[in-house]
Amino acid sequence: MRIVVLFNLRPGVDPEVYESWARGTDSPKVNGLASIKGFSVLALTGMLMGDGAPPFQYAEVIDIADMEQFGRDVATPAMQVIASAFQAFADNPLFITTREVA
């Protein structure tokens, strides 16, 4: 399963601070979970077609190897600290589950 998370930073959050945390803490911790095949954080930089900015500043792509294990992994105290920090950065993130079509 793949989860896509779309979000903007909360007002007043410095993008450099968030990106440093994402590189140094969030990504290594999530990628280290037994349930994860891959995890990436992407800055959304523009629209391929048309003018204007994308409606979101960032996306996370979480590839999950084992959903049951993922539930156990995210329930740990260490991951709750990561989740709380993420919530302090992200303004109403959308967590979207997917299924592969092709």
PDB file of N, CA and C in Angstrom:
ATOM      1  N   MET A   1       0.841  -1.168   0.000  1.00  0.00           N
ATOM      2  CA  MET A   1       0.000   0.000   0.000  1.00  0.00           C
ATOM      3  C   MET A   1       0.890   1.236   0.000  1.00  0.00           C
ATOM      4  N   ARG A   2       0.384   2.269  -0.608  1.00  0.00           N
ATOM      5  CA  ARG A   2       1.076   3.561  -0.613  1.00  0.00           C
ATOM      6  C   ARG A   2       0.130   4.596  -0.012  1.00  0.00           C
ATOM      7  N   ILE A   3       0.695   5.417   0.868  1.00  0.00           N
ATOM      8  CA  ILE A   3      -0.031   6.557   1.430  1.00  0.00           C
ATOM      9  C   ILE A   3       0.649   7.812   0.918  1.00  0.00           C
ATOM     10  N   VAL A   4      -0.159   8.750   0.443  1.00  0.00           N
ATOM     11  CA  VAL A   4       0.333  10.049   0.009  1.00  0.00           C
ATOM     12  C   VAL A   4      -0.210  11.079   0.991  1.00  0.00           C
ATOM     13  N   VAL A   5       0.674  11.913   1.507  1.00  0.00           N
ATOM     14  CA  VAL A   5       0.285  12.962   2.456  1.00  0.00           C
ATOM     15  C   VAL A   5       0.558  14.305   1.790  1.00  0.00           C
ATOM     16  N   LEU A   6      -0.484  15.108   1.661  1.00  0.00           N
ATOM     17  CA  LEU A   6      -0.361  16.444   1.074  1.00  0.00           C
ATOM     18  C   LEU A   6      -0.570  17.471   2.179  1.00  0.00           C
ATOM     19  N   PHE A   7       0.308  18.487   2.206  1.00  0.00           N
ATOM     20  CA  PHE A   7       0.159  19.470   3.280  1.00  0.00           C
ATOM     21  C   PHE A   7       0.901  20.763   2.979  1.00  0.00           C
ATOM     22  N   ASN A   8       0.473  21.786   3.677  1.00  0.00           N
ATOM     23  CA  ASN A   8       1.163  23.067   3.753  1.00  0.00           C
ATOM     24  C   ASN A   8       1.715  23.206   5.156  1.00  0.00           C
ATOM     25  N   LEU A   9       2.709  24.044   5.302  1.00  0.00           N
ATOM     26  CA  LEU A   9       3.235  24.336   6.632  1.00  0.00           C
ATOM     27  C   LEU A   9       2.279  25.276   7.358  1.00  0.00           C
ATOM     28  N   ARG A  10       2.257  25.158   8.662  1.00  0.00           N
ATOM     29  CA  ARG A  10       1.463  26.083   9.479  1.00  0.00           C
ATOM     30  C   ARG A  10       2.013  27.497   9.298  1.00  0.00           C
ATOM     31  N   PRO A  11       1.163  28.491   9.431  1.00  0.00           N
ATOM     32  CA  PRO A  11       1.653  29.876   9.354  1.00  0.00           C
ATOM     33  C   PRO A  11       2.781  30.093  10.358  1.00  0.00           C
ATOM     34  N   GLY A  12       3.827  30.753   9.906  1.00  0.00           N
ATOM     35  CA  GLY A  12       4.958  31.071  10.770  1.00  0.00           C
ATOM     36  C   GLY A  12       6.053  30.021  10.813  1.00  0.00           C
ATOM     37  N   VAL A  13       5.805  28.833  10.239  1.00  0.00           N
ATOM     38  CA  VAL A  13       6.836  27.788  10.231  1.00  0.00           C
ATOM     39  C   VAL A  13       7.843  28.101   9.130  1.00  0.00           C
ATOM     40  N   ASP A  14       9.101  28.120   9.496  1.00  0.00           N
ATOM     41  CA  ASP A  14      10.185  28.374   8.549  1.00  0.00           C
ATOM     42  C   ASP A  14      10.418  27.101   7.721  1.00  0.00           C
ATOM     43  N   PRO A  15      10.274  27.177   6.391  1.00  0.00           N
ATOM     44  CA  PRO A  15      10.496  25.985   5.565  1.00  0.00           C
ATOM     45  C   PRO A  15      11.876  25.353   5.774  1.00  0.00           C
ATOM     46  N   GLU A  16      12.903  26.144   6.001  1.00  0.00           N
ATOM     47  CA  GLU A  16      14.240  25.585   6.217  1.00  0.00           C
ATOM     48  C   GLU A  16      14.284  24.745   7.491  1.00  0.00           C
ATOM     49  N   VAL A  17      13.582  25.187   8.533  1.00  0.00           N
ATOM     50  CA  VAL A  17      13.532  24.425   9.787  1.00  0.00           C
ATOM     51  C   VAL A  17      12.804  23.108   9.560  1.00  0.00           C
ATOM     52  N   TYR A  18      11.662  23.182   8.874  1.00  0.00           N
ATOM     53  CA  TYR A  18      10.917  21.949   8.595  1.00  0.00           C
ATOM     54  C   TYR A  18      11.759  20.990   7.751  1.00  0.00           C
ATOM     55  N   GLU A  19      12.355  21.474   6.678  1.00  0.00           N
ATOM     56  CA  GLU A  19      13.107  20.605   5.782  1.00  0.00           C
ATOM     57  C   GLU A  19      14.317  19.985   6.472  1.00  0.00           C
ATOM     58  N   SER A  20      14.952  20.717   7.354  1.00  0.00           N
ATOM     59  CA  SER A  20      16.063  20.172   8.126  1.00  0.00           C
ATOM     60  C   SER A  20      15.569  19.038   9.032  1.00  0.00           C
ATOM     61  N   TRP A  21      14.427  19.243   9.681  1.00  0.00           N
ATOM     62  CA  TRP A  21      13.838  18.202  10.534  1.00  0.00           C
ATOM     63  C   TRP A  21      13.453  16.990   9.685  1.00  0.00           C
ATOM     64  N   ALA A  22      12.859  17.236   8.512  1.00  0.00           N
ATOM     65  CA  ALA A  22      12.442  16.130   7.645  1.00  0.00           C
ATOM     66  C   ALA A  22      13.644  15.289   7.223  1.00  0.00           C
ATOM     67  N   ARG A  23      14.756  15.953   6.846  1.00  0.00           N
ATOM     68  CA  ARG A  23      15.963  15.232   6.414  1.00  0.00           C
ATOM     69  C   ARG A  23      16.656  14.522   7.575  1.00  0.00           C
ATOM     70  N   GLY A  24      16.748  15.183   8.715  1.00  0.00           N
ATOM     71  CA  GLY A  24      17.552  14.674   9.811  1.00  0.00           C
ATOM     72  C   GLY A  24      16.831  13.776  10.794  1.00  0.00           C
ATOM     73  N   THR A  25      15.512  13.902  10.875  1.00  0.00           N
ATOM     74  CA  THR A  25      14.756  13.145  11.871  1.00  0.00           C
ATOM     75  C   THR A  25      13.655  12.301  11.252  1.00  0.00           C
ATOM     76  N   ASP A  26      12.725  12.941  10.572  1.00  0.00           N
ATOM     77  CA  ASP A  26      11.538  12.251  10.055  1.00  0.00           C
ATOM     78  C   ASP A  26      11.916  11.134   9.075  1.00  0.00           C
ATOM     79  N   SER A  27      12.642  11.470   8.037  1.00  0.00           N
ATOM     80  CA  SER A  27      12.967  10.482   7.009  1.00  0.00           C
ATOM     81  C   SER A  27      13.779   9.306   7.553  1.00  0.00           C
ATOM     82  N   PRO A  28      14.846   9.546   8.312  1.00  0.00           N
ATOM     83  CA  PRO A  28      15.597   8.388   8.830  1.00  0.00           C
ATOM     84  C   PRO A  28      14.767   7.495   9.759  1.00  0.00           C
ATOM     85  N   LYS A  29      13.934   8.106  10.589  1.00  0.00           N
ATOM     86  CA  LYS A  29      13.119   7.318  11.531  1.00  0.00           C
ATOM     87  C   LYS A  29      12.079   6.490  10.785  1.00  0.00           C
ATOM     88  N   VAL A  30      11.349   7.123   9.863  1.00  0.00           N
ATOM     89  CA  VAL A  30      10.300   6.401   9.147  1.00  0.00           C
ATOM     90  C   VAL A  30      10.914   5.333   8.250  1.00  0.00           C
ATOM     91  N   ASN A  31      11.976   5.660   7.542  1.00  0.00           N
ATOM     92  CA  ASN A  31      12.626   4.665   6.685  1.00  0.00           C
ATOM     93  C   ASN A  31      13.213   3.512   7.485  1.00  0.00           C
ATOM     94  N   GLY A  32      13.456   3.707   8.775  1.00  0.00           N
ATOM     95  CA  GLY A  32      13.994   2.655   9.625  1.00  0.00           C
ATOM     96  C   GLY A  32      12.951   1.707  10.188  1.00  0.00           C
ATOM     97  N   LEU A  33      11.672   1.988   9.965  1.00  0.00           N
ATOM     98  CA  LEU A  33      10.620   1.121  10.489  1.00  0.00           C
ATOM     99  C   LEU A  33      10.556  -0.187   9.702  1.00  0.00           C
ATOM    100  N   ALA A  34      10.291  -1.277  10.393  1.00  0.00           N
ATOM    101  CA  ALA A  34      10.208  -2.591   9.757  1.00  0.00           C
ATOM    102  C   ALA A  34       9.102  -2.653   8.702  1.00  0.00           C
ATOM    103  N   SER A  35       8.060  -1.864   8.878  1.00  0.00           N
ATOM    104  CA  SER A  35       6.895  -1.920   7.989  1.00  0.00           C
ATOM    105  C   SER A  35       7.041  -1.100   6.714  1.00  0.00           C
ATOM    106  N   ILE A  36       8.115  -0.353   6.575  1.00  0.00           N
ATOM    107  CA  ILE A  36       8.255   0.612   5.480  1.00  0.00           C
ATOM    108  C   ILE A  36       9.172   0.086   4.378  1.00  0.00           C
ATOM    109  N   LYS A  37       8.680   0.149   3.124  1.00  0.00           N
ATOM    110  CA  LYS A  37       9.511  -0.151   1.946  1.00  0.00           C
ATOM    111  C   LYS A  37      10.250   1.103   1.500  1.00  0.00           C
ATOM    112  N   GLY A  38       9.620   2.264   1.682  1.00  0.00           N
ATOM    113  CA  GLY A  38      10.242   3.515   1.278  1.00  0.00           C
ATOM    114  C   GLY A  38       9.426   4.699   1.754  1.00  0.00           C
ATOM    115  N   PHE A  39      10.118   5.798   1.994  1.00  0.00           N
ATOM    116  CA  PHE A  39       9.470   7.020   2.468  1.00  0.00           C
ATOM    117  C   PHE A  39      10.232   8.197   1.894  1.00  0.00           C
ATOM    118  N   SER A  40       9.522   9.119   1.272  1.00  0.00           N
ATOM    119  CA  SER A  40      10.165  10.332   0.774  1.00  0.00           C
ATOM    120  C   SER A  40       9.308  11.542   1.069  1.00  0.00           C
ATOM    121  N   VAL A  41       9.999  12.653   1.251  1.00  0.00           N
ATOM    122  CA  VAL A  41       9.365  13.954   1.456  1.00  0.00           C
ATOM    123  C   VAL A  41       9.729  14.807   0.248  1.00  0.00           C
ATOM    124  N   LEU A  42       8.726  15.379  -0.369  1.00  0.00           N
ATOM    125  CA  LEU A  42       8.918  16.159  -1.589  1.00  0.00           C
ATOM    126  C   LEU A  42       8.419  17.580  -1.400  1.00  0.00           C
ATOM    127  N   ALA A  43       9.218  18.555  -1.817  1.00  0.00           N
ATOM    128  CA  ALA A  43       8.757  19.942  -1.892  1.00  0.00           C
ATOM    129  C   ALA A  43       8.093  20.097  -3.251  1.00  0.00           C
ATOM    130  N   LEU A  44       6.871  20.577  -3.259  1.00  0.00           N
ATOM    131  CA  LEU A  44       6.137  20.761  -4.513  1.00  0.00           C
ATOM    132  C   LEU A  44       6.476  22.150  -5.043  1.00  0.00           C
ATOM    133  N   THR A  45       7.126  22.188  -6.205  1.00  0.00           N
ATOM    134  CA  THR A  45       7.772  23.413  -6.663  1.00  0.00           C
ATOM    135  C   THR A  45       7.032  24.184  -7.744  1.00  0.00           C
ATOM    136  N   GLY A  46       6.080  23.586  -8.401  1.00  0.00           N
ATOM    137  CA  GLY A  46       5.377  24.313  -9.452  1.00  0.00           C
ATOM    138  C   GLY A  46       4.384  23.424 -10.164  1.00  0.00           C
ATOM    139  N   MET A  47       3.671  24.031 -11.098  1.00  0.00           N
ATOM    140  CA  MET A  47       2.687  23.319 -11.902  1.00  0.00           C
ATOM    141  C   MET A  47       3.321  23.010 -13.257  1.00  0.00           C
ATOM    142  N   LEU A  48       3.191  21.782 -13.726  1.00  0.00           N
ATOM    143  CA  LEU A  48       3.741  21.410 -15.019  1.00  0.00           C
ATOM    144  C   LEU A  48       3.008  22.141 -16.145  1.00  0.00           C
ATOM    145  N   MET A  49       1.704  22.239 -16.006  1.00  0.00           N
ATOM    146  CA  MET A  49       0.904  22.954 -17.000  1.00  0.00           C
ATOM    147  C   MET A  49       0.116  24.042 -16.287  1.00  0.00           C
ATOM    148  N   GLY A  50       0.083  25.187 -16.861  1.00  0.00           N
ATOM    149  CA  GLY A  50      -0.669  26.280 -16.269  1.00  0.00           C
ATOM    150  C   GLY A  50       0.201  27.134 -15.373  1.00  0.00           C
ATOM    151  N   ASP A  51      -0.415  28.179 -14.907  1.00  0.00           N
ATOM    152  CA  ASP A  51       0.281  29.139 -14.056  1.00  0.00           C
ATOM    153  C   ASP A  51      -0.100  28.928 -12.599  1.00  0.00           C
ATOM    154  N   GLY A  52       0.639  29.585 -11.749  1.00  0.00           N
ATOM    155  CA  GLY A  52       0.324  29.566 -10.332  1.00  0.00           C
ATOM    156  C   GLY A  52       1.083  28.498  -9.578  1.00  0.00           C
ATOM    157  N   ALA A  53       0.900  28.543  -8.288  1.00  0.00           N
ATOM    158  CA  ALA A  53       1.568  27.613  -7.380  1.00  0.00           C
ATOM    159  C   ALA A  53       0.692  26.390  -7.156  1.00  0.00           C
ATOM    160  N   PRO A  54       1.308  25.255  -6.828  1.00  0.00           N
ATOM    161  CA  PRO A  54       0.513  24.080  -6.460  1.00  0.00           C
ATOM    162  C   PRO A  54      -0.309  24.391  -5.203  1.00  0.00           C
ATOM    163  N   PRO A  55      -1.413  23.688  -5.017  1.00  0.00           N
ATOM    164  CA  PRO A  55      -2.236  23.947  -3.834  1.00  0.00           C
ATOM    165  C   PRO A  55      -1.596  23.486  -2.521  1.00  0.00           C
ATOM    166  N   PHE A  56      -0.544  22.686  -2.612  1.00  0.00           N
ATOM    167  CA  PHE A  56       0.165  22.217  -1.432  1.00  0.00           C
ATOM    168  C   PHE A  56       1.650  22.494  -1.589  1.00  0.00           C
ATOM    169  N   GLN A  57       2.328  22.709  -0.459  1.00  0.00           N
ATOM    170  CA  GLN A  57       3.767  22.962  -0.464  1.00  0.00           C
ATOM    171  C   GLN A  57       4.589  21.674  -0.458  1.00  0.00           C
ATOM    172  N   TYR A  58       4.050  20.615   0.165  1.00  0.00           N
ATOM    173  CA  TYR A  58       4.810  19.381   0.366  1.00  0.00           C
ATOM    174  C   TYR A  58       3.936  18.158   0.154  1.00  0.00           C
ATOM    175  N   ALA A  59       4.610  17.056  -0.173  1.00  0.00           N
ATOM    176  CA  ALA A  59       3.982  15.736  -0.229  1.00  0.00           C
ATOM    177  C   ALA A  59       4.927  14.734   0.410  1.00  0.00           C
ATOM    178  N   GLU A  60       4.355  13.792   1.116  1.00  0.00           N
ATOM    179  CA  GLU A  60       5.098  12.631   1.588  1.00  0.00           C
ATOM    180  C   GLU A  60       4.541  11.423   0.864  1.00  0.00           C
ATOM    181  N   VAL A  61       5.414  10.519   0.496  1.00  0.00           N
ATOM    182  CA  VAL A  61       5.007   9.260  -0.124  1.00  0.00           C
ATOM    183  C   VAL A  61       5.533   8.148   0.770  1.00  0.00           C
ATOM    184  N   ILE A  62       4.609   7.361   1.304  1.00  0.00           N
ATOM    185  CA  ILE A  62       4.954   6.298   2.242  1.00  0.00           C
ATOM    186  C   ILE A  62       4.572   4.962   1.606  1.00  0.00           C
ATOM    187  N   ASP A  63       5.557   4.141   1.280  1.00  0.00           N
ATOM    188  CA  ASP A  63       5.315   2.807   0.735  1.00  0.00           C
ATOM    189  C   ASP A  63       5.390   1.806   1.873  1.00  0.00           C
ATOM    190  N   ILE A  64       4.274   1.156   2.125  1.00  0.00           N
ATOM    191  CA  ILE A  64       4.145   0.270   3.286  1.00  0.00           C
ATOM    192  C   ILE A  64       4.229  -1.185   2.843  1.00  0.00           C
ATOM    193  N   ALA A  65       5.107  -1.930   3.472  1.00  0.00           N
ATOM    194  CA  ALA A  65       5.287  -3.351   3.172  1.00  0.00           C
ATOM    195  C   ALA A  65       4.263  -4.197   3.929  1.00  0.00           C
ATOM    196  N   ASP A  66       3.923  -3.780   5.154  1.00  0.00           N
ATOM    197  CA  ASP A  66       3.046  -4.574   6.012  1.00  0.00           C
ATOM    198  C   ASP A  66       2.184  -3.616   6.828  1.00  0.00           C
ATOM    199  N   MET A  67       0.913  -3.531   6.483  1.00  0.00           N
ATOM    200  CA  MET A  67       0.017  -2.561   7.127  1.00  0.00           C
ATOM    201  C   MET A  67      -0.198  -2.873   8.607  1.00  0.00           C
ATOM    202  N   GLU A  68      -0.296  -4.144   8.969  1.00  0.00           N
ATOM    203  CA  GLU A  68      -0.458  -4.497  10.387  1.00  0.00           C
ATOM    204  C   GLU A  68       0.766  -4.059  11.186  1.00  0.00           C
ATOM    205  N   GLN A  69       1.943  -4.329  10.658  1.00  0.00           N
ATOM    206  CA  GLN A  69       3.173  -3.912  11.333  1.00  0.00           C
ATOM    207  C   GLN A  69       3.255  -2.388  11.384  1.00  0.00           C
ATOM    208  N   PHE A  70       2.812  -1.719  10.328  1.00  0.00           N
ATOM    209  CA  PHE A  70       2.810  -0.259  10.302  1.00  0.00           C
ATOM    210  C   PHE A  70       1.984   0.293  11.464  1.00  0.00           C
ATOM    211  N   GLY A  71       0.823  -0.298  11.710  1.00  0.00           N
ATOM    212  CA  GLY A  71      -0.005   0.123  12.843  1.00  0.00           C
ATOM    213  C   GLY A  71       0.737  -0.017  14.161  1.00  0.00           C
ATOM    214  N   ARG A  72       1.465  -1.108  14.322  1.00  0.00           N
ATOM    215  CA  ARG A  72       2.243  -1.301  15.548  1.00  0.00           C
ATOM    216  C   ARG A  72       3.404  -0.307  15.612  1.00  0.00           C
ATOM    217  N   ASP A  73       4.065  -0.097  14.469  1.00  0.00           N
ATOM    218  CA  ASP A  73       5.206   0.818  14.432  1.00  0.00           C
ATOM    219  C   ASP A  73       4.813   2.245  14.824  1.00  0.00           C
ATOM    220  N   VAL A  74       3.719   2.741  14.259  1.00  0.00           N
ATOM    221  CA  VAL A  74       3.351   4.135  14.525  1.00  0.00           C
ATOM    222  C   VAL A  74       2.777   4.330  15.925  1.00  0.00           C
ATOM    223  N   ALA A  75       2.419   3.240  16.595  1.00  0.00           N
ATOM    224  CA  ALA A  75       1.884   3.338  17.956  1.00  0.00           C
ATOM    225  C   ALA A  75       2.975   3.413  19.021  1.00  0.00           C
ATOM    226  N   THR A  76       4.235   3.233  18.641  1.00  0.00           N
ATOM    227  CA  THR A  76       5.310   3.262  19.627  1.00  0.00           C
ATOM    228  C   THR A  76       5.523   4.679  20.158  1.00  0.00           C
ATOM    229  N   PRO A  77       6.018   4.803  21.376  1.00  0.00           N
ATOM    230  CA  PRO A  77       6.286   6.136  21.925  1.00  0.00           C
ATOM    231  C   PRO A  77       7.233   6.963  21.051  1.00  0.00           C
ATOM    232  N   ALA A  78       8.243   6.335  20.476  1.00  0.00           N
ATOM    233  CA  ALA A  78       9.194   7.068  19.633  1.00  0.00           C
ATOM    234  C   ALA A  78       8.511   7.649  18.406  1.00  0.00           C
ATOM    235  N   MET A  79       7.615   6.879  17.787  1.00  0.00           N
ATOM    236  CA  MET A  79       6.920   7.390  16.602  1.00  0.00           C
ATOM    237  C   MET A  79       5.831   8.394  16.971  1.00  0.00           C
ATOM    238  N   GLN A  80       5.318   8.309  18.166  1.00  0.00           N
ATOM    239  CA  GLN A  80       4.346   9.316  18.609  1.00  0.00           C
ATOM    240  C   GLN A  80       5.023  10.675  18.752  1.00  0.00           C
ATOM    241  N   VAL A  81       6.280  10.691  19.165  1.00  0.00           N
ATOM    242  CA  VAL A  81       7.054  11.932  19.235  1.00  0.00           C
ATOM    243  C   VAL A  81       7.218  12.511  17.826  1.00  0.00           C
ATOM    244  N   ILE A  82       7.552  11.659  16.855  1.00  0.00           N
ATOM    245  CA  ILE A  82       7.703  12.088  15.459  1.00  0.00           C
ATOM    246  C   ILE A  82       6.370  12.622  14.935  1.00  0.00           C
ATOM    247  N   ALA A  83       5.287  11.906  15.201  1.00  0.00           N
ATOM    248  CA  ALA A  83       3.963  12.329  14.724  1.00  0.00           C
ATOM    249  C   ALA A  83       3.566  13.672  15.329  1.00  0.00           C
ATOM    250  N   SER A  84       3.856  13.876  16.591  1.00  0.00           N
ATOM    251  CA  SER A  84       3.539  15.159  17.238  1.00  0.00           C
ATOM    252  C   SER A  84       4.339  16.296  16.626  1.00  0.00           C
ATOM    253  N   ALA A  85       5.604  16.046  16.359  1.00  0.00           N
ATOM    254  CA  ALA A  85       6.435  17.074  15.726  1.00  0.00           C
ATOM    255  C   ALA A  85       5.906  17.390  14.332  1.00  0.00           C
ATOM    256  N   PHE A  86       5.539  16.367  13.572  1.00  0.00           N
ATOM    257  CA  PHE A  86       4.985  16.582  12.237  1.00  0.00           C
ATOM    258  C   PHE A  86       3.723  17.445  12.322  1.00  0.00           C
ATOM    259  N   GLN A  87       2.852  17.139  13.258  1.00  0.00           N
ATOM    260  CA  GLN A  87       1.607  17.914  13.413  1.00  0.00           C
ATOM    261  C   GLN A  87       1.888  19.372  13.771  1.00  0.00           C
ATOM    262  N   ALA A  88       2.985  19.627  14.443  1.00  0.00           N
ATOM    263  CA  ALA A  88       3.357  21.011  14.766  1.00  0.00           C
ATOM    264  C   ALA A  88       3.808  21.770  13.519  1.00  0.00           C
ATOM    265  N   PHE A  89       4.345  21.054  12.537  1.00  0.00           N
ATOM    266  CA  PHE A  89       4.775  21.677  11.286  1.00  0.00           C
ATOM    267  C   PHE A  89       3.636  21.782  10.272  1.00  0.00           C
ATOM    268  N   ALA A  90       2.839  20.731  10.145  1.00  0.00           N
ATOM    269  CA  ALA A  90       1.875  20.601   9.046  1.00  0.00           C
ATOM    270  C   ALA A  90       0.506  21.155   9.430  1.00  0.00           C
ATOM    271  N   ASP A  91      -0.082  21.900   8.510  1.00  0.00           N
ATOM    272  CA  ASP A  91      -1.392  22.515   8.705  1.00  0.00           C
ATOM    273  C   ASP A  91      -2.457  21.650   8.024  1.00  0.00           C
ATOM    274  N   ASN A  92      -3.194  20.878   8.815  1.00  0.00           N
ATOM    275  CA  ASN A  92      -4.272  20.014   8.307  1.00  0.00           C
ATOM    276  C   ASN A  92      -3.828  19.098   7.163  1.00  0.00           C
ATOM    277  N   PRO A  93      -2.863  18.228   7.404  1.00  0.00           N
ATOM    278  CA  PRO A  93      -2.400  17.335   6.339  1.00  0.00           C
ATOM    279  C   PRO A  93      -3.504  16.376   5.895  1.00  0.00           C
ATOM    280  N   LEU A  94      -3.480  16.046   4.603  1.00  0.00           N
ATOM    281  CA  LEU A  94      -4.406  15.062   4.039  1.00  0.00           C
ATOM    282  C   LEU A  94      -3.653  13.752   3.857  1.00  0.00           C
ATOM    283  N   PHE A  95      -4.081  12.699   4.536  1.00  0.00           N
ATOM    284  CA  PHE A  95      -3.491  11.370   4.424  1.00  0.00           C
ATOM    285  C   PHE A  95      -4.378  10.564   3.471  1.00  0.00           C
ATOM    286  N   ILE A  96      -3.836  10.213   2.304  1.00  0.00           N
ATOM    287  CA  ILE A  96      -4.620   9.589   1.248  1.00  0.00           C
ATOM    288  C   ILE A  96      -4.080   8.185   1.003  1.00  0.00           C
ATOM    289  N   THR A  97      -4.950   7.183   1.147  1.00  0.00           N
ATOM    290  CA  THR A  97      -4.549   5.806   0.838  1.00  0.00           C
ATOM    291  C   THR A  97      -4.748   5.558  -0.658  1.00  0.00           C
ATOM    292  N   THR A  98      -3.963   4.657  -1.193  1.00  0.00           N
ATOM    293  CA  THR A  98      -4.018   4.384  -2.628  1.00  0.00           C
ATOM    294  C   THR A  98      -4.020   2.893  -2.879  1.00  0.00           C
ATOM    295  N   ARG A  99      -4.358   2.546  -4.127  1.00  0.00           N
ATOM    296  CA  ARG A  99      -4.171   1.185  -4.628  1.00  0.00           C
ATOM    297  C   ARG A  99      -3.615   1.313  -6.034  1.00  0.00           C
ATOM    298  N   GLU A 100      -2.727   0.418  -6.371  1.00  0.00           N
ATOM    299  CA  GLU A 100      -2.086   0.486  -7.684  1.00  0.00           C
ATOM    300  C   GLU A 100      -3.053  -0.021  -8.756  1.00  0.00           C
ATOM    301  N   VAL A 101      -3.134   0.718  -9.841  1.00  0.00           N
ATOM    302  CA  VAL A 101      -4.002   0.361 -10.960  1.00  0.00           C
ATOM    303  C   VAL A 101      -3.183  -0.225 -12.099  1.00  0.00           C
ATOM    304  N   ALA A 102      -2.054   0.366 -12.381  1.00  0.00           N
ATOM    305  CA  ALA A 102      -1.223  -0.112 -13.497  1.00  0.00           C
ATOM    306  C   ALA A 102       0.241   0.078 -13.139  1.00  0.00           C
TER     307      ALA A 102
END
